Amino acid sequence: MSTILTYIAITDGKIKRSSLEVLSHCKKIGDAAGHTVEAVLIDANASSFVEGIQKYGASKIHVVEDPVFTNHMNTPLLKALAKVMEKVNPAVFAFASTESTKDILGALAANQDAAVIADVSSFELSPNGVKAKRPVMAAKIMANAEAISDRVIVSVRSGSYDLNESPASAEVISVDFSMDENEVKATLKEIISATGDTVDLNEAEAIVAAGRGIKDDEGKALVAELASILNAGIGASRALTESGVYDPSLQIGQTGKVVSPQLYIAVGISGAIQHVAGMTNSKVIVAINKDPDAPIFEVADYGIVGDLYKILPPFIEEIKKIKS
């Protein structure tokens, strides 16, 4: 019997939903193969998050708690992950594909002499390791990848799997950890937060994204109102972030954020491949565009052809009626 280990990321005092999605999938494939499924929490207040992951099926939760993890720093995180990996010796160590994960994945694999497949949209166990699918060429095609090794590290795109509860009374294991300040060569001076929307696009259940069709403050107000009543995040195409209409932190696409919400409403977005690469994993895609031949309609589940300035006001009113 082997072990599948999942790293549960904590950001801004909250568990990353994408990490729980990965844990849910690991529980499913672990049970099917007869493997044990465990999780690891690393944070300054890691023990306070144990209850939040108990219901997702891990048989053991390894807790690494130290003030050095108050802010993300690669060196202490790598040391803690390596220590847990050496202790558990997992056949598979799975991560959500976050920006912080991308920072340390290669270094951890080299440190632990493990194979690694990064940024996959799906993965499964194979007789000799892990098989996975990875979006490549701006997500135009899917590549089949396989890591053949006794130890495989894999990172998974947000939204690739559903969140499924599987309550378990996990054994909580406290991992001793200490870090000499001299080992940390980098110094964190300041954290500058994005000035964009307050909803984290990577974690948002719903996103309203604006494209070139948004031409003025009236259009921005309509997008903001729709996002507000849906409790959605606001995203934007590259054209609008480069022109200064929206903050660069809200850009969605190949050179921006990759998102996968339950609902994605594209308002006035034509659907260039660079943008679609950042949102194609959304569960339900609604497109509003006056051009019936816009490429966005090729990936949309529902499409509305027309002037967004005429469509959004009654659309918003109908949603308000439904909610009330």
Protein backbone atom coordinates (compact mmCIF):
# COMPACT_ATOMS: atom_id res chain seq x y z
CA MET A 1 0.00 0.00 0.00
CA SER A 2 1.33 3.41 -1.02
CA THR A 3 0.51 6.93 0.16
CA ILE A 4 -0.87 9.86 -1.81
CA LEU A 5 -0.06 13.16 -0.13
CA THR A 6 -1.76 16.51 -0.85
CA TYR A 7 -0.43 19.94 0.06
CA ILE A 8 -3.18 22.24 1.34
CA ALA A 9 -2.29 25.83 0.51
CA ILE A 10 -3.31 28.70 2.79
CA THR A 11 -3.60 32.22 1.33
CA ASP A 12 -4.73 35.33 3.21
CA GLY A 13 -5.93 33.22 6.11
CA LYS A 14 -8.10 30.95 3.96
CA ILE A 15 -7.75 27.43 2.59
CA LYS A 16 -7.36 27.48 -1.19
CA ARG A 17 -10.40 25.83 -2.76
CA SER A 18 -8.18 24.46 -5.50
CA SER A 19 -6.18 22.49 -2.91
CA LEU A 20 -9.36 20.85 -1.62
CA GLU A 21 -10.32 19.97 -5.20
CA VAL A 22 -7.00 18.15 -5.53
CA LEU A 23 -7.49 16.39 -2.19
CA SER A 24 -10.98 15.28 -3.31
CA HIS A 25 -9.51 13.72 -6.44
CA CYS A 26 -6.66 12.09 -4.53
CA LYS A 27 -9.21 10.55 -2.16
CA LYS A 28 -11.12 9.11 -5.12
CA ILE A 29 -8.15 7.56 -6.90
CA GLY A 30 -6.54 6.52 -3.62
CA ASP A 31 -9.58 4.59 -2.50
CA ALA A 32 -9.88 2.92 -5.90
CA ALA A 33 -6.26 1.76 -5.77
CA GLY A 34 -6.23 0.86 -2.08
CA HIS A 35 -3.78 3.62 -1.15
CA THR A 36 -3.83 5.81 1.94
CA VAL A 37 -4.53 9.50 1.42
CA GLU A 38 -2.89 12.12 3.63
CA ALA A 39 -2.61 15.91 3.68
CA VAL A 40 -0.11 18.48 4.88
CA LEU A 41 -0.77 21.99 6.25
CA ILE A 42 2.05 24.53 6.51
CA ASP A 43 1.26 27.90 8.05
CA ALA A 44 1.94 30.13 11.05
CA ASN A 45 -1.48 29.01 12.37
CA ALA A 46 -1.74 25.69 10.56
CA SER A 47 -3.60 23.85 13.35
CA SER A 48 -6.55 26.24 13.06
CA PHE A 49 -7.27 24.92 9.54
CA VAL A 50 -7.41 21.23 10.42
CA GLU A 51 -11.16 21.19 10.91
CA GLY A 52 -11.68 22.75 7.49
CA ILE A 53 -10.11 19.77 5.69
CA GLN A 54 -11.33 16.92 7.91
CA LYS A 55 -14.37 16.43 5.68
CA TYR A 56 -12.37 15.74 2.53
CA GLY A 57 -11.14 12.28 3.42
CA ALA A 58 -7.49 12.43 4.50
CA SER A 59 -6.62 9.70 6.99
CA LYS A 60 -3.75 11.76 8.40
CA ILE A 61 -3.10 15.51 8.45
CA HIS A 62 0.51 16.59 8.96
CA VAL A 63 0.73 20.03 10.55
CA VAL A 64 3.81 22.24 10.28
CA GLU A 65 3.34 25.39 12.34
CA ASP A 66 5.91 28.15 12.76
CA PRO A 67 5.91 31.98 12.67
CA VAL A 68 8.29 31.87 9.71
CA PHE A 69 5.30 30.89 7.55
CA THR A 70 3.38 34.11 8.27
CA ASN A 71 4.31 35.22 4.76
CA HIS A 72 5.23 33.09 1.78
CA MET A 73 8.98 32.50 1.57
CA ASN A 74 10.40 29.80 -0.68
CA THR A 75 13.28 28.64 1.53
CA PRO A 76 11.34 27.69 4.68
CA LEU A 77 8.45 26.25 2.64
CA LEU A 78 10.84 24.04 0.68
CA LYS A 79 12.50 22.84 3.86
CA ALA A 80 9.16 22.00 5.47
CA LEU A 81 7.82 20.21 2.38
CA ALA A 82 11.02 18.19 2.04
CA LYS A 83 10.85 17.16 5.70
CA VAL A 84 7.26 15.97 5.39
CA MET A 85 8.00 14.20 2.12
CA GLU A 86 10.94 12.34 3.69
CA LYS A 87 8.75 11.34 6.62
CA VAL A 88 5.72 10.17 4.63
CA ASN A 89 7.56 8.90 1.51
CA PRO A 90 4.51 9.31 -0.75
CA ALA A 91 4.24 7.66 -4.14
CA VAL A 92 2.43 10.82 -5.30
CA PHE A 93 2.64 14.33 -3.83
CA ALA A 94 -0.13 16.49 -5.32
CA PHE A 95 -0.42 20.28 -5.31
CA ALA A 96 -2.86 22.85 -6.64
CA SER A 97 -1.14 24.78 -9.43
CA THR A 98 -0.82 28.16 -7.72
CA GLU A 99 1.79 30.87 -8.25
CA SER A 100 3.59 29.87 -5.04
CA THR A 101 3.59 26.22 -6.12
CA LYS A 102 5.20 27.13 -9.43
CA ASP A 103 7.96 28.87 -7.46
CA ILE A 104 9.07 25.75 -5.61
CA LEU A 105 7.93 22.67 -7.55
CA GLY A 106 11.12 22.13 -9.53
CA ALA A 107 13.36 22.70 -6.53
CA LEU A 108 11.39 20.24 -4.41
CA ALA A 109 11.55 17.59 -7.13
CA ALA A 110 15.32 18.02 -7.44
CA ASN A 111 15.74 17.96 -3.66
CA GLN A 112 13.75 14.75 -3.30
CA ASP A 113 14.91 13.04 -6.51
CA ALA A 114 11.31 12.84 -7.72
CA ALA A 115 9.71 13.08 -11.15
CA VAL A 116 7.40 16.05 -11.69
CA ILE A 117 4.49 16.92 -14.01
CA ALA A 118 3.34 20.52 -13.66
CA ASP A 119 0.10 22.35 -14.39
CA VAL A 120 -2.02 19.37 -15.46
CA SER A 121 -5.75 19.38 -16.09
CA SER A 122 -6.16 15.75 -14.99
CA PHE A 123 -4.07 12.89 -13.69
CA GLU A 124 -4.40 9.25 -12.72
CA LEU A 125 -2.23 6.54 -11.26
CA SER A 126 -0.37 4.23 -13.62
CA PRO A 127 1.45 0.96 -12.89
CA ASN A 128 4.79 2.78 -12.87
CA GLY A 129 3.88 6.29 -11.74
CA VAL A 130 1.41 8.93 -12.95
CA LYS A 131 -0.31 9.64 -16.26
CA ALA A 132 -1.63 13.14 -16.88
CA LYS A 133 -3.07 15.51 -19.46
CA ARG A 134 -1.59 18.99 -19.90
CA PRO A 135 -2.99 21.91 -21.93
CA VAL A 136 -0.33 23.13 -24.37
CA MET A 137 -0.14 25.54 -27.30
CA ALA A 138 -2.39 28.07 -25.52
CA ALA A 139 -4.72 25.20 -24.57
CA LYS A 140 -5.44 24.43 -28.23
CA ILE A 141 -4.40 20.82 -27.72
CA MET A 142 -3.97 18.41 -24.79
CA ALA A 143 -0.67 16.59 -24.32
CA ASN A 144 -0.48 13.17 -22.71
CA ALA A 145 2.36 12.98 -20.20
CA GLU A 146 3.62 10.16 -18.01
CA ALA A 147 6.09 10.24 -15.14
CA ILE A 148 7.67 6.87 -14.42
CA SER A 149 9.11 6.96 -10.92
CA ASP A 150 8.61 5.67 -7.39
CA ARG A 151 7.95 9.30 -6.37
CA VAL A 152 5.99 11.72 -8.52
CA ILE A 153 5.10 15.34 -7.79
CA VAL A 154 2.15 16.75 -9.71
CA SER A 155 0.41 20.15 -9.75
CA VAL A 156 -3.20 20.51 -10.91
CA ARG A 157 -4.98 23.48 -12.48
CA SER A 158 -7.75 25.07 -10.46
CA GLY A 159 -11.23 23.83 -11.35
CA SER A 160 -10.03 20.57 -12.89
CA TYR A 161 -12.00 18.54 -10.34
CA ASP A 162 -15.19 18.97 -8.36
CA LEU A 163 -15.14 19.45 -4.61
CA ASN A 164 -16.53 16.27 -3.03
CA GLU A 165 -16.86 15.76 0.70
CA SER A 166 -15.81 12.46 2.25
CA PRO A 167 -15.78 13.05 6.04
CA ALA A 168 -13.08 11.25 7.99
CA SER A 169 -11.69 11.46 11.49
CA ALA A 170 -8.12 12.16 10.50
CA GLU A 171 -5.13 11.59 12.75
CA VAL A 172 -3.43 14.96 13.28
CA ILE A 173 0.36 14.73 13.35
CA SER A 174 2.41 17.70 14.52
CA VAL A 175 5.72 17.97 12.65
CA ASP A 176 8.64 19.52 14.53
CA PHE A 177 10.13 22.36 12.54
CA SER A 178 12.67 25.08 13.17
CA MET A 179 14.49 27.44 10.89
CA ASP A 180 17.66 29.39 11.54
CA GLU A 181 17.16 32.97 10.33
CA ASN A 182 20.59 32.79 8.70
CA GLU A 183 19.26 30.10 6.36
CA VAL A 184 16.79 32.57 4.88
CA LYS A 185 18.90 34.65 2.51
CA ALA A 186 15.97 36.57 0.99
CA THR A 187 14.30 39.31 3.03
CA LEU A 188 10.67 40.21 2.65
CA LYS A 189 10.42 44.01 2.85
CA GLU A 190 6.87 44.71 1.75
CA ILE A 191 3.77 43.08 0.29
CA ILE A 192 1.98 45.21 -2.28
CA SER A 193 -1.57 44.05 -2.84
CA ALA A 194 -3.29 44.29 -6.20
CA THR A 195 -5.56 47.28 -6.63
CA GLY A 196 -8.14 45.34 -8.59
CA ASP A 197 -11.24 43.45 -7.52
CA THR A 198 -11.54 42.20 -3.97
CA VAL A 199 -12.63 38.70 -5.08
CA ASP A 200 -9.70 36.36 -5.81
CA LEU A 201 -10.24 35.31 -9.43
CA ASN A 202 -8.47 31.99 -8.86
CA GLU A 203 -10.97 31.11 -6.13
CA ALA A 204 -14.11 32.79 -7.49
CA GLU A 205 -17.19 30.63 -8.04
CA ALA A 206 -18.39 33.11 -10.68
CA ILE A 207 -16.59 35.66 -12.87
CA VAL A 208 -17.88 38.47 -15.07
CA ALA A 209 -15.21 39.33 -17.63
CA ALA A 210 -15.15 42.50 -19.71
CA GLY A 211 -13.78 42.86 -23.24
CA ARG A 212 -13.43 45.53 -25.93
CA GLY A 213 -17.20 45.92 -26.03
CA ILE A 214 -16.97 47.82 -22.73
CA LYS A 215 -16.30 51.32 -24.01
CA ASP A 216 -17.06 53.69 -21.13
CA ASP A 217 -17.99 54.12 -17.48
CA GLU A 218 -21.56 53.04 -18.20
CA GLY A 219 -20.29 49.70 -19.44
CA LYS A 220 -18.01 49.28 -16.43
CA ALA A 221 -20.93 50.09 -14.13
CA LEU A 222 -23.06 47.39 -15.77
CA VAL A 223 -20.28 44.83 -15.37
CA ALA A 224 -19.79 45.84 -11.73
CA GLU A 225 -23.53 45.60 -11.00
CA LEU A 226 -23.81 42.16 -12.60
CA ALA A 227 -20.77 40.94 -10.66
CA SER A 228 -22.17 42.36 -7.43
CA ILE A 229 -25.52 40.57 -7.59
CA LEU A 230 -23.78 37.30 -8.51
CA ASN A 231 -21.09 37.77 -5.84
CA ALA A 232 -18.66 37.30 -8.71
CA GLY A 233 -15.14 38.43 -9.41
CA ILE A 234 -14.45 40.90 -12.22
CA GLY A 235 -11.98 39.96 -14.93
CA ALA A 236 -10.89 41.62 -18.15
CA SER A 237 -9.31 40.93 -21.49
CA ARG A 238 -5.77 42.02 -22.29
CA ALA A 239 -7.02 44.91 -24.42
CA LEU A 240 -8.78 46.53 -21.46
CA THR A 241 -5.94 46.05 -18.98
CA GLU A 242 -3.33 47.39 -21.38
CA SER A 243 -5.47 50.46 -22.12
CA GLY A 244 -5.84 51.12 -18.39
CA VAL A 245 -9.60 50.52 -18.22
CA TYR A 246 -9.06 47.72 -15.69
CA ASP A 247 -6.19 46.89 -13.36
CA PRO A 248 -3.57 44.50 -14.85
CA SER A 249 -4.19 42.09 -11.94
CA LEU A 250 -7.61 41.34 -13.46
CA GLN A 251 -6.31 40.15 -16.83
CA ILE A 252 -7.48 36.67 -17.80
CA GLY A 253 -5.73 34.74 -20.54
CA GLN A 254 -2.53 33.10 -21.65
CA THR A 255 -0.45 36.00 -20.32
CA GLY A 256 -2.78 36.69 -17.39
CA LYS A 257 -4.62 34.52 -14.90
CA VAL A 258 -5.95 31.05 -15.63
CA VAL A 259 -9.37 30.65 -14.02
CA SER A 260 -11.98 27.91 -13.81
CA PRO A 261 -15.11 29.15 -12.03
CA GLN A 262 -18.48 27.45 -11.99
CA LEU A 263 -19.88 30.35 -14.06
CA TYR A 264 -17.99 32.59 -16.50
CA ILE A 265 -19.85 35.44 -18.21
CA ALA A 266 -17.88 36.97 -21.09
CA VAL A 267 -19.21 40.46 -21.84
CA GLY A 268 -18.08 42.00 -25.12
CA ILE A 269 -15.17 39.55 -25.47
CA SER A 270 -14.46 38.29 -29.00
CA GLY A 271 -12.75 35.12 -27.81
CA ALA A 272 -9.20 35.27 -29.14
CA ILE A 273 -7.28 32.08 -28.38
CA GLN A 274 -5.02 33.93 -25.93
CA HIS A 275 -8.04 34.81 -23.78
CA VAL A 276 -9.79 31.47 -24.15
CA ALA A 277 -6.63 29.72 -22.86
CA GLY A 278 -7.27 31.40 -19.51
CA MET A 279 -10.92 30.45 -19.04
CA THR A 280 -11.72 27.37 -21.10
CA ASN A 281 -11.92 25.17 -17.97
CA SER A 282 -14.92 27.13 -16.65
CA LYS A 283 -17.88 24.86 -15.93
CA VAL A 284 -20.54 27.05 -17.62
CA ILE A 285 -19.62 29.80 -20.09
CA VAL A 286 -22.10 32.52 -21.09
CA ALA A 287 -21.09 34.85 -23.93
CA ILE A 288 -22.64 38.23 -24.76
CA ASN A 289 -21.42 39.74 -28.04
CA LYS A 290 -22.98 41.67 -30.92
CA ASP A 291 -20.95 39.72 -33.51
CA PRO A 292 -22.69 36.36 -34.18
CA ASP A 293 -19.42 35.02 -35.66
CA ALA A 294 -17.28 35.88 -32.62
CA PRO A 295 -15.00 32.94 -31.69
CA ILE A 296 -16.21 33.11 -28.06
CA PHE A 297 -19.45 31.42 -29.13
CA GLU A 298 -17.47 28.31 -30.11
CA VAL A 299 -16.58 27.65 -26.47
CA ALA A 300 -19.71 29.10 -24.85
CA ASP A 301 -22.46 26.93 -23.40
CA TYR A 302 -24.95 29.77 -23.83
CA GLY A 303 -24.69 32.73 -26.18
CA ILE A 304 -26.57 36.00 -26.48
CA VAL A 305 -26.08 37.99 -29.68
CA GLY A 306 -26.68 41.71 -29.30
CA ASP A 307 -25.53 45.05 -27.92
CA LEU A 308 -24.38 44.49 -24.33
CA TYR A 309 -25.66 47.96 -23.37
CA LYS A 310 -29.18 46.80 -24.30
CA ILE A 311 -28.83 43.22 -23.02
CA LEU A 312 -27.26 43.71 -19.61
CA PRO A 313 -29.90 45.98 -17.97
CA PRO A 314 -32.84 43.53 -18.42
CA PHE A 315 -30.48 40.60 -17.78
CA ILE A 316 -29.51 42.13 -14.43
CA GLU A 317 -33.14 42.88 -13.55
CA GLU A 318 -34.18 39.27 -14.23
CA ILE A 319 -31.40 37.96 -11.98
CA LYS A 320 -32.53 40.34 -9.25
CA LYS A 321 -36.09 39.02 -9.57
CA ILE A 322 -34.88 35.42 -9.35
CA LYS A 323 -32.77 36.16 -6.29
CA SER A 324 -35.60 37.98 -4.53
